PDB file of N, CA and C in Angstrom:
ATOM      1  N   MET A   1     115.533 106.956  93.553  1.00  0.00           N
ATOM      2  CA  MET A   1     114.990 106.265  92.402  1.00  0.00           C
ATOM      3  C   MET A   1     114.504 104.894  92.845  1.00  0.00           C
ATOM      4  N   SER A   2     113.345 104.500  92.377  1.00  0.00           N
ATOM      5  CA  SER A   2     112.810 103.196  92.773  1.00  0.00           C
ATOM      6  C   SER A   2     113.332 102.106  91.838  1.00  0.00           C
ATOM      7  N   VAL A   3     113.282 100.888  92.339  1.00  0.00           N
ATOM      8  CA  VAL A   3     113.720  99.726  91.561  1.00  0.00           C
ATOM      9  C   VAL A   3     112.600  99.315  90.621  1.00  0.00           C
ATOM     10  N   ARG A   4     112.953  99.067  89.369  1.00  0.00           N
ATOM     11  CA  ARG A   4     112.018  98.542  88.379  1.00  0.00           C
ATOM     12  C   ARG A   4     112.762  97.499  87.563  1.00  0.00           C
ATOM     13  N   GLY A   5     112.095  96.392  87.266  1.00  0.00           N
ATOM     14  CA  GLY A   5     112.766  95.359  86.500  1.00  0.00           C
ATOM     15  C   GLY A   5     111.803  94.323  85.969  1.00  0.00           C
ATOM     16  N   SER A   6     112.365  93.287  85.392  1.00  0.00           N
ATOM     17  CA  SER A   6     111.546  92.188  84.889  1.00  0.00           C
ATOM     18  C   SER A   6     112.181  90.865  85.307  1.00  0.00           C
ATOM     19  N   PHE A   7     111.401  89.801  85.205  1.00  0.00           N
ATOM     20  CA  PHE A   7     111.828  88.496  85.686  1.00  0.00           C
ATOM     21  C   PHE A   7     111.080  87.417  84.936  1.00  0.00           C
ATOM     22  N   TYR A   8     111.581  86.202  85.074  1.00  0.00           N
ATOM     23  CA  TYR A   8     110.791  85.027  84.705  1.00  0.00           C
ATOM     24  C   TYR A   8     110.987  83.982  85.791  1.00  0.00           C
ATOM     25  N   PHE A   9     109.986  83.165  85.977  1.00  0.00           N
ATOM     26  CA  PHE A   9     110.056  82.011  86.862  1.00  0.00           C
ATOM     27  C   PHE A   9     109.600  80.783  86.091  1.00  0.00           C
ATOM     28  N   LYS A  10     110.319  79.688  86.266  1.00  0.00           N
ATOM     29  CA  LYS A  10     109.917  78.392  85.745  1.00  0.00           C
ATOM     30  C   LYS A  10     109.579  77.519  86.935  1.00  0.00           C
ATOM     31  N   ILE A  11     108.416  76.862  86.892  1.00  0.00           N
ATOM     32  CA  ILE A  11     108.013  76.002  87.996  1.00  0.00           C
ATOM     33  C   ILE A  11     108.606  74.604  87.786  1.00  0.00           C
ATOM     34  N   THR A  12     109.138  74.038  88.855  1.00  0.00           N
ATOM     35  CA  THR A  12     109.738  72.699  88.781  1.00  0.00           C
ATOM     36  C   THR A  12     108.674  71.640  89.055  1.00  0.00           C
ATOM     37  N   VAL A  13     109.004  70.387  88.858  1.00  0.00           N
ATOM     38  CA  VAL A  13     108.047  69.305  89.105  1.00  0.00           C
ATOM     39  C   VAL A  13     107.666  69.213  90.577  1.00  0.00           C
ATOM     40  N   THR A  14     108.493  69.752  91.476  1.00  0.00           N
ATOM     41  CA  THR A  14     108.176  69.722  92.913  1.00  0.00           C
ATOM     42  C   THR A  14     107.444  70.989  93.371  1.00  0.00           C
ATOM     43  N   GLY A  15     107.173  71.930  92.452  1.00  0.00           N
ATOM     44  CA  GLY A  15     106.420  73.127  92.801  1.00  0.00           C
ATOM     45  C   GLY A  15     107.268  74.320  93.204  1.00  0.00           C
ATOM     46  N   ASN A  16     108.589  74.190  93.167  1.00  0.00           N
ATOM     47  CA  ASN A  16     109.463  75.322  93.456  1.00  0.00           C
ATOM     48  C   ASN A  16     109.692  76.133  92.186  1.00  0.00           C
ATOM     49  N   LEU A  17     110.292  77.312  92.326  1.00  0.00           N
ATOM     50  CA  LEU A  17     110.515  78.202  91.190  1.00  0.00           C
ATOM     51  C   LEU A  17     111.995  78.482  91.005  1.00  0.00           C
ATOM     52  N   ILE A  18     112.432  78.539  89.754  1.00  0.00           N
ATOM     53  CA  ILE A  18     113.778  78.979  89.423  1.00  0.00           C
ATOM     54  C   ILE A  18     113.650  80.028  88.321  1.00  0.00           C
ATOM     55  N   GLY A  19     114.560  80.993  88.287  1.00  0.00           N
ATOM     56  CA  GLY A  19     114.452  82.012  87.265  1.00  0.00           C
ATOM     57  C   GLY A  19     115.591  82.995  87.286  1.00  0.00           C
ATOM     58  N   GLU A  20     115.380  84.097  86.570  1.00  0.00           N
ATOM     59  CA  GLU A  20     116.344  85.178  86.472  1.00  0.00           C
ATOM     60  C   GLU A  20     115.608  86.501  86.483  1.00  0.00           C
ATOM     61  N   TYR A  21     116.357  87.571  86.796  1.00  0.00           N
ATOM     62  CA  TYR A  21     115.777  88.914  86.787  1.00  0.00           C
ATOM     63  C   TYR A  21     116.848  89.924  86.402  1.00  0.00           C
ATOM     64  N   PHE A  22     116.401  91.108  86.002  1.00  0.00           N
ATOM     65  CA  PHE A  22     117.289  92.257  85.860  1.00  0.00           C
ATOM     66  C   PHE A  22     116.486  93.498  86.211  1.00  0.00           C
ATOM     67  N   ASN A  23     117.196  94.588  86.518  1.00  0.00           N
ATOM     68  CA  ASN A  23     116.506  95.820  86.887  1.00  0.00           C
ATOM     69  C   ASN A  23     117.308  97.041  86.460  1.00  0.00           C
ATOM     70  N   ASN A  24     116.791  98.211  86.805  1.00  0.00           N
ATOM     71  CA  ASN A  24     117.418  99.458  86.392  1.00  0.00           C
ATOM     72  C   ASN A  24     118.702  99.774  87.150  1.00  0.00           C
ATOM     73  N   TYR A  25     119.120  98.936  88.083  1.00  0.00           N
ATOM     74  CA  TYR A  25     120.371  99.131  88.807  1.00  0.00           C
ATOM     75  C   TYR A  25     121.484  98.213  88.316  1.00  0.00           C
ATOM     76  N   SER A  26     121.191  97.321  87.382  1.00  0.00           N
ATOM     77  CA  SER A  26     122.180  96.328  86.975  1.00  0.00           C
ATOM     78  C   SER A  26     122.149  96.127  85.471  1.00  0.00           C
ATOM     79  N   ASN A  27     123.271  95.794  84.899  1.00  0.00           N
ATOM     80  CA  ASN A  27     123.355  95.520  83.469  1.00  0.00           C
ATOM     81  C   ASN A  27     123.482  94.038  83.165  1.00  0.00           C
ATOM     82  N   VAL A  28     123.231  93.194  84.154  1.00  0.00           N
ATOM     83  CA  VAL A  28     123.328  91.747  83.959  1.00  0.00           C
ATOM     84  C   VAL A  28     122.071  91.060  84.502  1.00  0.00           C
ATOM     85  N   SER A  29     121.784  89.898  83.952  1.00  0.00           N
ATOM     86  CA  SER A  29     120.708  89.066  84.492  1.00  0.00           C
ATOM     87  C   SER A  29     121.271  88.239  85.637  1.00  0.00           C
ATOM     88  N   LEU A  30     120.529  88.183  86.729  1.00  0.00           N
ATOM     89  CA  LEU A  30     120.958  87.442  87.918  1.00  0.00           C
ATOM     90  C   LEU A  30     119.936  86.364  88.240  1.00  0.00           C
ATOM     91  N   SER A  31     120.369  85.344  88.961  1.00  0.00           N
ATOM     92  CA  SER A  31     119.485  84.217  89.266  1.00  0.00           C
ATOM     93  C   SER A  31     118.640  84.482  90.500  1.00  0.00           C
ATOM     94  N   LYS A  32     117.498  83.796  90.548  1.00  0.00           N
ATOM     95  CA  LYS A  32     116.632  83.816  91.730  1.00  0.00           C
ATOM     96  C   LYS A  32     115.934  82.481  91.812  1.00  0.00           C
ATOM     97  N   SER A  33     115.508  82.121  93.015  1.00  0.00           N
ATOM     98  CA  SER A  33     114.763  80.877  93.208  1.00  0.00           C
ATOM     99  C   SER A  33     113.760  81.074  94.327  1.00  0.00           C
ATOM    100  N   ALA A  34     112.794  80.162  94.392  1.00  0.00           N
ATOM    101  CA  ALA A  34     111.769  80.242  95.431  1.00  0.00           C
ATOM    102  C   ALA A  34     111.338  78.834  95.815  1.00  0.00           C
ATOM    103  N   ASN A  35     111.288  78.583  97.103  1.00  0.00           N
ATOM    104  CA  ASN A  35     110.834  77.302  97.636  1.00  0.00           C
ATOM    105  C   ASN A  35     109.409  77.452  98.143  1.00  0.00           C
ATOM    106  N   ARG A  36     108.519  76.596  97.657  1.00  0.00           N
ATOM    107  CA  ARG A  36     107.109  76.649  98.065  1.00  0.00           C
ATOM    108  C   ARG A  36     106.997  76.297  99.540  1.00  0.00           C
ATOM    109  N   ILE A  37     106.207  77.096 100.295  1.00  0.00           N
ATOM    110  CA  ILE A  37     106.035  76.831 101.720  1.00  0.00           C
ATOM    111  C   ILE A  37     104.604  76.462 102.082  1.00  0.00           C
ATOM    112  N   ASN A  38     103.702  76.411 101.083  1.00  0.00           N
ATOM    113  CA  ASN A  38     102.349  75.943 101.345  1.00  0.00           C
ATOM    114  C   ASN A  38     101.831  75.218 100.109  1.00  0.00           C
ATOM    115  N   PRO A  39     100.818  74.398 100.267  1.00  0.00           N
ATOM    116  CA  PRO A  39     100.258  73.738  99.086  1.00  0.00           C
ATOM    117  C   PRO A  39      99.660  74.802  98.167  1.00  0.00           C
ATOM    118  N   GLY A  40      99.838  74.633  96.918  1.00  0.00           N
ATOM    119  CA  GLY A  40      99.275  75.571  95.953  1.00  0.00           C
ATOM    120  C   GLY A  40      98.943  74.839  94.673  1.00  0.00           C
ATOM    121  N   ILE A  41      98.361  75.576  93.754  1.00  0.00           N
ATOM    122  CA  ILE A  41      98.010  75.025  92.455  1.00  0.00           C
ATOM    123  C   ILE A  41      98.775  75.816  91.410  1.00  0.00           C
ATOM    124  N   GLY A  42      99.601  75.131  90.632  1.00  0.00           N
ATOM    125  CA  GLY A  42     100.404  75.824  89.630  1.00  0.00           C
ATOM    126  C   GLY A  42     101.332  76.826  90.309  1.00  0.00           C
ATOM    127  N   PHE A  43     101.345  78.048  89.791  1.00  0.00           N
ATOM    128  CA  PHE A  43     102.202  79.096  90.356  1.00  0.00           C
ATOM    129  C   PHE A  43     101.626  79.712  91.631  1.00  0.00           C
ATOM    130  N   VAL A  44     100.318  79.592  91.825  1.00  0.00           N
ATOM    131  CA  VAL A  44      99.657  80.224  92.967  1.00  0.00           C
ATOM    132  C   VAL A  44     100.143  79.595  94.264  1.00  0.00           C
ATOM    133  N   GLY A  45     100.541  80.451  95.226  1.00  0.00           N
ATOM    134  CA  GLY A  45     100.993  79.942  96.510  1.00  0.00           C
ATOM    135  C   GLY A  45     101.920  80.903  97.209  1.00  0.00           C
ATOM    136  N   GLN A  46     102.522  80.415  98.276  1.00  0.00           N
ATOM    137  CA  GLN A  46     103.473  81.208  99.055  1.00  0.00           C
ATOM    138  C   GLN A  46     104.830  80.516  99.015  1.00  0.00           C
ATOM    139  N   TYR A  47     105.875  81.356  98.979  1.00  0.00           N
ATOM    140  CA  TYR A  47     107.233  80.864  98.808  1.00  0.00           C
ATOM    141  C   TYR A  47     108.186  81.644  99.710  1.00  0.00           C
ATOM    142  N   VAL A  48     109.346  81.055  99.987  1.00  0.00           N
ATOM    143  CA  VAL A  48     110.501  81.782 100.491  1.00  0.00           C
ATOM    144  C   VAL A  48     111.433  81.891  99.296  1.00  0.00           C
ATOM    145  N   THR A  49     111.816  83.114  98.949  1.00  0.00           N
ATOM    146  CA  THR A  49     112.585  83.355  97.741  1.00  0.00           C
ATOM    147  C   THR A  49     113.925  84.005  98.054  1.00  0.00           C
ATOM    148  N   SER A  50     114.906  83.710  97.233  1.00  0.00           N
ATOM    149  CA  SER A  50     116.229  84.305  97.416  1.00  0.00           C
ATOM    150  C   SER A  50     116.807  84.672  96.053  1.00  0.00           C
ATOM    151  N   TRP A  51     117.665  85.681  96.070  1.00  0.00           N
ATOM    152  CA  TRP A  51     118.325  86.107  94.837  1.00  0.00           C
ATOM    153  C   TRP A  51     119.620  86.824  95.161  1.00  0.00           C
ATOM    154  N   SER A  52     120.458  86.892  94.161  1.00  0.00           N
ATOM    155  CA  SER A  52     121.738  87.574  94.267  1.00  0.00           C
ATOM    156  C   SER A  52     121.532  89.056  93.987  1.00  0.00           C
ATOM    157  N   GLU A  53     122.133  89.911  94.805  1.00  0.00           N
ATOM    158  CA  GLU A  53     122.081  91.366  94.626  1.00  0.00           C
ATOM    159  C   GLU A  53     123.450  91.841  94.196  1.00  0.00           C
ATOM    160  N   ASN A  54     123.557  92.386  93.007  1.00  0.00           N
ATOM    161  CA  ASN A  54     124.816  92.951  92.513  1.00  0.00           C
ATOM    162  C   ASN A  54     125.976  91.975  92.605  1.00  0.00           C
ATOM    163  N   GLN A  55     125.701  90.710  92.567  1.00  0.00           N
ATOM    164  CA  GLN A  55     126.698  89.645  92.605  1.00  0.00           C
ATOM    165  C   GLN A  55     127.588  89.686  93.851  1.00  0.00           C
ATOM    166  N   THR A  56     127.161  90.438  94.891  1.00  0.00           N
ATOM    167  CA  THR A  56     127.979  90.550  96.103  1.00  0.00           C
ATOM    168  C   THR A  56     127.238  90.151  97.369  1.00  0.00           C
ATOM    169  N   SER A  57     125.923  90.080  97.322  1.00  0.00           N
ATOM    170  CA  SER A  57     125.145  89.718  98.499  1.00  0.00           C
ATOM    171  C   SER A  57     123.874  88.997  98.052  1.00  0.00           C
ATOM    172  N   ALA A  58     123.133  88.483  99.019  1.00  0.00           N
ATOM    173  CA  ALA A  58     121.893  87.766  98.723  1.00  0.00           C
ATOM    174  C   ALA A  58     120.754  88.354  99.533  1.00  0.00           C
ATOM    175  N   GLU A  59     119.554  88.269  98.988  1.00  0.00           N
ATOM    176  CA  GLU A  59     118.334  88.710  99.657  1.00  0.00           C
ATOM    177  C   GLU A  59     117.430  87.502  99.862  1.00  0.00           C
ATOM    178  N   ILE A  60     116.714  87.486 100.989  1.00  0.00           N
ATOM    179  CA  ILE A  60     115.725  86.450 101.264  1.00  0.00           C
ATOM    180  C   ILE A  60     114.429  87.149 101.633  1.00  0.00           C
ATOM    181  N   ASN A  61     113.349  86.817 100.937  1.00  0.00           N
ATOM    182  CA  ASN A  61     112.031  87.403 101.157  1.00  0.00           C
ATOM    183  C   ASN A  61     110.974  86.325 101.073  1.00  0.00           C
ATOM    184  N   LYS A  62     109.771  86.672 101.472  1.00  0.00           N
ATOM    185  CA  LYS A  62     108.606  85.826 101.218  1.00  0.00           C
ATOM    186  C   LYS A  62     107.956  86.333  99.932  1.00  0.00           C
ATOM    187  N   LEU A  63     107.362  85.435  99.179  1.00  0.00           N
ATOM    188  CA  LEU A  63     106.691  85.765  97.924  1.00  0.00           C
ATOM    189  C   LEU A  63     105.319  85.123  97.926  1.00  0.00           C
ATOM    190  N   THR A  64     104.304  85.924  97.612  1.00  0.00           N
ATOM    191  CA  THR A  64     102.945  85.420  97.448  1.00  0.00           C
ATOM    192  C   THR A  64     102.535  85.645  96.005  1.00  0.00           C
ATOM    193  N   ILE A  65     102.032  84.598  95.363  1.00  0.00           N
ATOM    194  CA  ILE A  65     101.538  84.705  93.991  1.00  0.00           C
ATOM    195  C   ILE A  65     100.056  84.376  93.992  1.00  0.00           C
ATOM    196  N   GLU A  66      99.265  85.302  93.439  1.00  0.00           N
ATOM    197  CA  GLU A  66      97.815  85.136  93.319  1.00  0.00           C
ATOM    198  C   GLU A  66      97.432  85.222  91.851  1.00  0.00           C
ATOM    199  N   GLU A  67      96.458  84.420  91.430  1.00  0.00           N
ATOM    200  CA  GLU A  67      95.951  84.534  90.065  1.00  0.00           C
ATOM    201  C   GLU A  67      94.887  85.624  90.060  1.00  0.00           C
ATOM    202  N   ILE A  68      95.038  86.631  89.189  1.00  0.00           N
ATOM    203  CA  ILE A  68      94.074  87.739  89.143  1.00  0.00           C
ATOM    204  C   ILE A  68      93.102  87.608  87.978  1.00  0.00           C
ATOM    205  N   SER A  69      93.450  86.840  86.981  1.00  0.00           N
ATOM    206  CA  SER A  69      92.559  86.450  85.896  1.00  0.00           C
ATOM    207  C   SER A  69      93.220  85.267  85.198  1.00  0.00           C
ATOM    208  N   THR A  70      92.579  84.708  84.214  1.00  0.00           N
ATOM    209  CA  THR A  70      93.127  83.536  83.554  1.00  0.00           C
ATOM    210  C   THR A  70      94.540  83.819  83.050  1.00  0.00           C
ATOM    211  N   ASN A  71      95.502  83.078  83.559  1.00  0.00           N
ATOM    212  CA  ASN A  71      96.909  83.162  83.167  1.00  0.00           C
ATOM    213  C   ASN A  71      97.585  84.500  83.486  1.00  0.00           C
ATOM    214  N   MET A  72      97.005  85.286  84.396  1.00  0.00           N
ATOM    215  CA  MET A  72      97.609  86.542  84.860  1.00  0.00           C
ATOM    216  C   MET A  72      97.773  86.465  86.369  1.00  0.00           C
ATOM    217  N   PHE A  73      98.917  86.948  86.877  1.00  0.00           N
ATOM    218  CA  PHE A  73      99.259  86.770  88.278  1.00  0.00           C
ATOM    219  C   PHE A  73      99.724  88.079  88.911  1.00  0.00           C
ATOM    220  N   LYS A  74      99.430  88.221  90.189  1.00  0.00           N
ATOM    221  CA  LYS A  74      99.930  89.321  91.011  1.00  0.00           C
ATOM    222  C   LYS A  74     100.963  88.723  91.955  1.00  0.00           C
ATOM    223  N   LEU A  75     102.119  89.373  92.071  1.00  0.00           N
ATOM    224  CA  LEU A  75     103.192  88.901  92.937  1.00  0.00           C
ATOM    225  C   LEU A  75     103.506  89.963  93.970  1.00  0.00           C
ATOM    226  N   ILE A  76     103.625  89.549  95.229  1.00  0.00           N
ATOM    227  CA  ILE A  76     103.983  90.468  96.312  1.00  0.00           C
ATOM    228  C   ILE A  76     105.139  89.857  97.088  1.00  0.00           C
ATOM    229  N   TRP A  77     106.252  90.599  97.142  1.00  0.00           N
ATOM    230  CA  TRP A  77     107.415  90.202  97.930  1.00  0.00           C
ATOM    231  C   TRP A  77     107.379  90.979  99.244  1.00  0.00           C
ATOM    232  N   THR A  78     107.593  90.306 100.352  1.00  0.00           N
ATOM    233  CA  THR A  78     107.671  90.970 101.652  1.00  0.00           C
ATOM    234  C   THR A  78     108.950  90.522 102.344  1.00  0.00           C
ATOM    235  N   ASP A  79     109.481  91.395 103.213  1.00  0.00           N
ATOM    236  CA  ASP A  79     110.631  90.952 103.998  1.00  0.00           C
ATOM    237  C   ASP A  79     110.145  89.921 105.010  1.00  0.00           C
ATOM    238  N   MET A  80     111.028  89.350 105.754  1.00  0.00           N
ATOM    239  CA  MET A  80     110.664  88.272 106.675  1.00  0.00           C
ATOM    240  C   MET A  80     109.799  88.766 107.833  1.00  0.00           C
ATOM    241  N   ASN A  81     109.688  90.095 108.003  1.00  0.00           N
ATOM    242  CA  ASN A  81     108.807  90.675 109.022  1.00  0.00           C
ATOM    243  C   ASN A  81     107.446  91.055 108.456  1.00  0.00           C
ATOM    244  N   GLY A  82     107.228  90.834 107.143  1.00  0.00           N
ATOM    245  CA  GLY A  82     105.935  91.107 106.530  1.00  0.00           C
ATOM    246  C   GLY A  82     105.803  92.452 105.851  1.00  0.00           C
ATOM    247  N   LYS A  83     106.860  93.264 105.814  1.00  0.00           N
ATOM    248  CA  LYS A  83     106.804  94.569 105.142  1.00  0.00           C
ATOM    249  C   LYS A  83     106.970  94.371 103.633  1.00  0.00           C
ATOM    250  N   GLU A  84     106.037  94.936 102.852  1.00  0.00           N
ATOM    251  CA  GLU A  84     106.094  94.799 101.406  1.00  0.00           C
ATOM    252  C   GLU A  84     107.341  95.492 100.856  1.00  0.00           C
ATOM    253  N   THR A  85     108.094  94.758 100.032  1.00  0.00           N
ATOM    254  CA  THR A  85     109.317  95.300  99.440  1.00  0.00           C
ATOM    255  C   THR A  85     109.204  95.484  97.929  1.00  0.00           C
ATOM    256  N   PHE A  86     108.512  94.579  97.256  1.00  0.00           N
ATOM    257  CA  PHE A  86     108.293  94.665  95.811  1.00  0.00           C
ATOM    258  C   PHE A  86     106.902  94.146  95.496  1.00  0.00           C
ATOM    259  N   HIS A  87     106.360  94.584  94.364  1.00  0.00           N
ATOM    260  CA  HIS A  87     105.169  93.934  93.832  1.00  0.00           C
ATOM    261  C   HIS A  87     105.231  93.972  92.317  1.00  0.00           C
ATOM    262  N   GLY A  88     104.494  93.078  91.692  1.00  0.00           N
ATOM    263  CA  GLY A  88     104.532  93.012  90.244  1.00  0.00           C
ATOM    264  C   GLY A  88     103.399  92.200  89.675  1.00  0.00           C
ATOM    265  N   LYS A  89     103.417  92.088  88.357  1.00  0.00           N
ATOM    266  CA  LYS A  89     102.443  91.293  87.625  1.00  0.00           C
ATOM    267  C   LYS A  89     103.182  90.402  86.652  1.00  0.00           C
ATOM    268  N   ALA A  90     102.565  89.274  86.333  1.00  0.00           N
ATOM    269  CA  ALA A  90     103.170  88.336  85.382  1.00  0.00           C
ATOM    270  C   ALA A  90     102.073  87.644  84.593  1.00  0.00           C
ATOM    271  N   SER A  91     102.457  87.145  83.436  1.00  0.00           N
ATOM    272  CA  SER A  91     101.531  86.360  82.625  1.00  0.00           C
ATOM    273  C   SER A  91     102.175  85.030  82.281  1.00  0.00           C
ATOM    274  N   LEU A  92     101.343  84.068  81.986  1.00  0.00           N
ATOM    275  CA  LEU A  92     101.827  82.749  81.600  1.00  0.00           C
ATOM    276  C   LEU A  92     102.444  82.852  80.213  1.00  0.00           C
ATOM    277  N   LEU A  93     103.715  82.503  80.100  1.00  0.00           N
ATOM    278  CA  LEU A  93     104.423  82.569  78.824  1.00  0.00           C
ATOM    279  C   LEU A  93     104.357  81.224  78.121  1.00  0.00           C
ATOM    280  N   GLU A  94     104.573  80.175  78.869  1.00  0.00           N
ATOM    281  CA  GLU A  94     104.446  78.804  78.405  1.00  0.00           C
ATOM    282  C   GLU A  94     103.800  78.017  79.535  1.00  0.00           C
ATOM    283  N   LYS A  95     103.574  76.756  79.336  1.00  0.00           N
ATOM    284  CA  LYS A  95     102.880  75.937  80.324  1.00  0.00           C
ATOM    285  C   LYS A  95     103.484  76.060  81.724  1.00  0.00           C
ATOM    286  N   ASN A  96     104.817  76.164  81.821  1.00  0.00           N
ATOM    287  CA  ASN A  96     105.460  76.169  83.132  1.00  0.00           C
ATOM    288  C   ASN A  96     106.350  77.394  83.355  1.00  0.00           C
ATOM    289  N   ILE A  97     106.117  78.491  82.609  1.00  0.00           N
ATOM    290  CA  ILE A  97     106.935  79.696  82.745  1.00  0.00           C
ATOM    291  C   ILE A  97     106.034  80.932  82.815  1.00  0.00           C
ATOM    292  N   ILE A  98     106.289  81.799  83.824  1.00  0.00           N
ATOM    293  CA  ILE A  98     105.645  83.105  83.855  1.00  0.00           C
ATOM    294  C   ILE A  98     106.713  84.174  83.649  1.00  0.00           C
ATOM    295  N   TYR A  99     106.301  85.285  83.043  1.00  0.00           N
ATOM    296  CA  TYR A  99     107.207  86.410  82.769  1.00  0.00           C
ATOM    297  C   TYR A  99     106.496  87.682  83.196  1.00  0.00           C
ATOM    298  N   GLY A 100     107.201  88.596  83.855  1.00  0.00           N
ATOM    299  CA  GLY A 100     106.537  89.812  84.286  1.00  0.00           C
ATOM    300  C   GLY A 100     107.485  90.907  84.683  1.00  0.00           C
ATOM    301  N   TYR A 101     106.917  91.922  85.328  1.00  0.00           N
ATOM    302  CA  TYR A 101     107.680  93.073  85.799  1.00  0.00           C
ATOM    303  C   TYR A 101     107.453  93.253  87.283  1.00  0.00           C
ATOM    304  N   TYR A 102     108.327  94.027  87.913  1.00  0.00           N
ATOM    305  CA  TYR A 102     108.171  94.332  89.329  1.00  0.00           C
ATOM    306  C   TYR A 102     108.706  95.720  89.607  1.00  0.00           C
ATOM    307  N   SER A 103     108.308  96.271  90.750  1.00  0.00           N
ATOM    308  CA  SER A 103     108.850  97.551  91.205  1.00  0.00           C
ATOM    309  C   SER A 103     108.965  97.507  92.721  1.00  0.00           C
ATOM    310  N   GLY A 104     109.784  98.390  93.246  1.00  0.00           N
ATOM    311  CA  GLY A 104     109.984  98.458  94.686  1.00  0.00           C
ATOM    312  C   GLY A 104     110.061  99.892  95.161  1.00  0.00           C
ATOM    313  N   GLU A 105     109.858 100.090  96.441  1.00  0.00           N
ATOM    314  CA  GLU A 105     109.861 101.380  97.128  1.00  0.00           C
ATOM    315  C   GLU A 105     108.795 102.321  96.575  1.00  0.00           C
ATOM    316  N   GLN A 106     109.022 102.974  95.452  1.00  0.00           N
ATOM    317  CA  GLN A 106     107.969 103.782  94.833  1.00  0.00           C
ATOM    318  C   GLN A 106     107.341 102.895  93.763  1.00  0.00           C
ATOM    319  N   PHE A 107     106.198 102.291  94.072  1.00  0.00           N
ATOM    320  CA  PHE A 107     105.633 101.275  93.217  1.00  0.00           C
ATOM    321  C   PHE A 107     105.052 101.856  91.929  1.00  0.00           C
ATOM    322  N   ILE A 108     105.091 101.040  90.868  1.00  0.00           N
ATOM    323  CA  ILE A 108     104.481 101.410  89.600  1.00  0.00           C
ATOM    324  C   ILE A 108     102.978 101.469  89.808  1.00  0.00           C
ATOM    325  N   GLN A 109     102.339 102.481  89.272  1.00  0.00           N
ATOM    326  CA  GLN A 109     100.888 102.643  89.402  1.00  0.00           C
ATOM    327  C   GLN A 109     100.172 101.474  88.758  1.00  0.00           C
ATOM    328  N   GLU A 110      99.199 100.879  89.462  1.00  0.00           N
ATOM    329  CA  GLU A 110      98.401  99.791  88.927  1.00  0.00           C
ATOM    330  C   GLU A 110      97.513 100.308  87.790  1.00  0.00           C
ATOM    331  N   HIS A 111      97.247  99.431  86.805  1.00  0.00           N
ATOM    332  CA  HIS A 111      96.360  99.789  85.684  1.00  0.00           C
ATOM    333  C   HIS A 111      94.952  99.405  86.001  1.00  0.00           C
TER     334      HIS A 111
END
């Protein structure tokens, strides 16, 4: 079974991201964060991201966020070797918050 879930990210004044996520493997919301590693505009950019897995371990990945249309974003998570692990889409919920979905391994079909 592939991983499917949703998340939100809030951008900080320094350009980093903080947020939460949940998926079909967990019944709780868990925290995640991302540190910007290149100059970007708004949410668009590259990050090193980390999150808690099942409250027992942590994951570290790279995250790329691209704007695909006004206030709509494509997100791609890769492991530290560049292999894609998750991808998703998000929309601007408020001025500094995006909300979206993601999938892993067997990816959700693009619309």
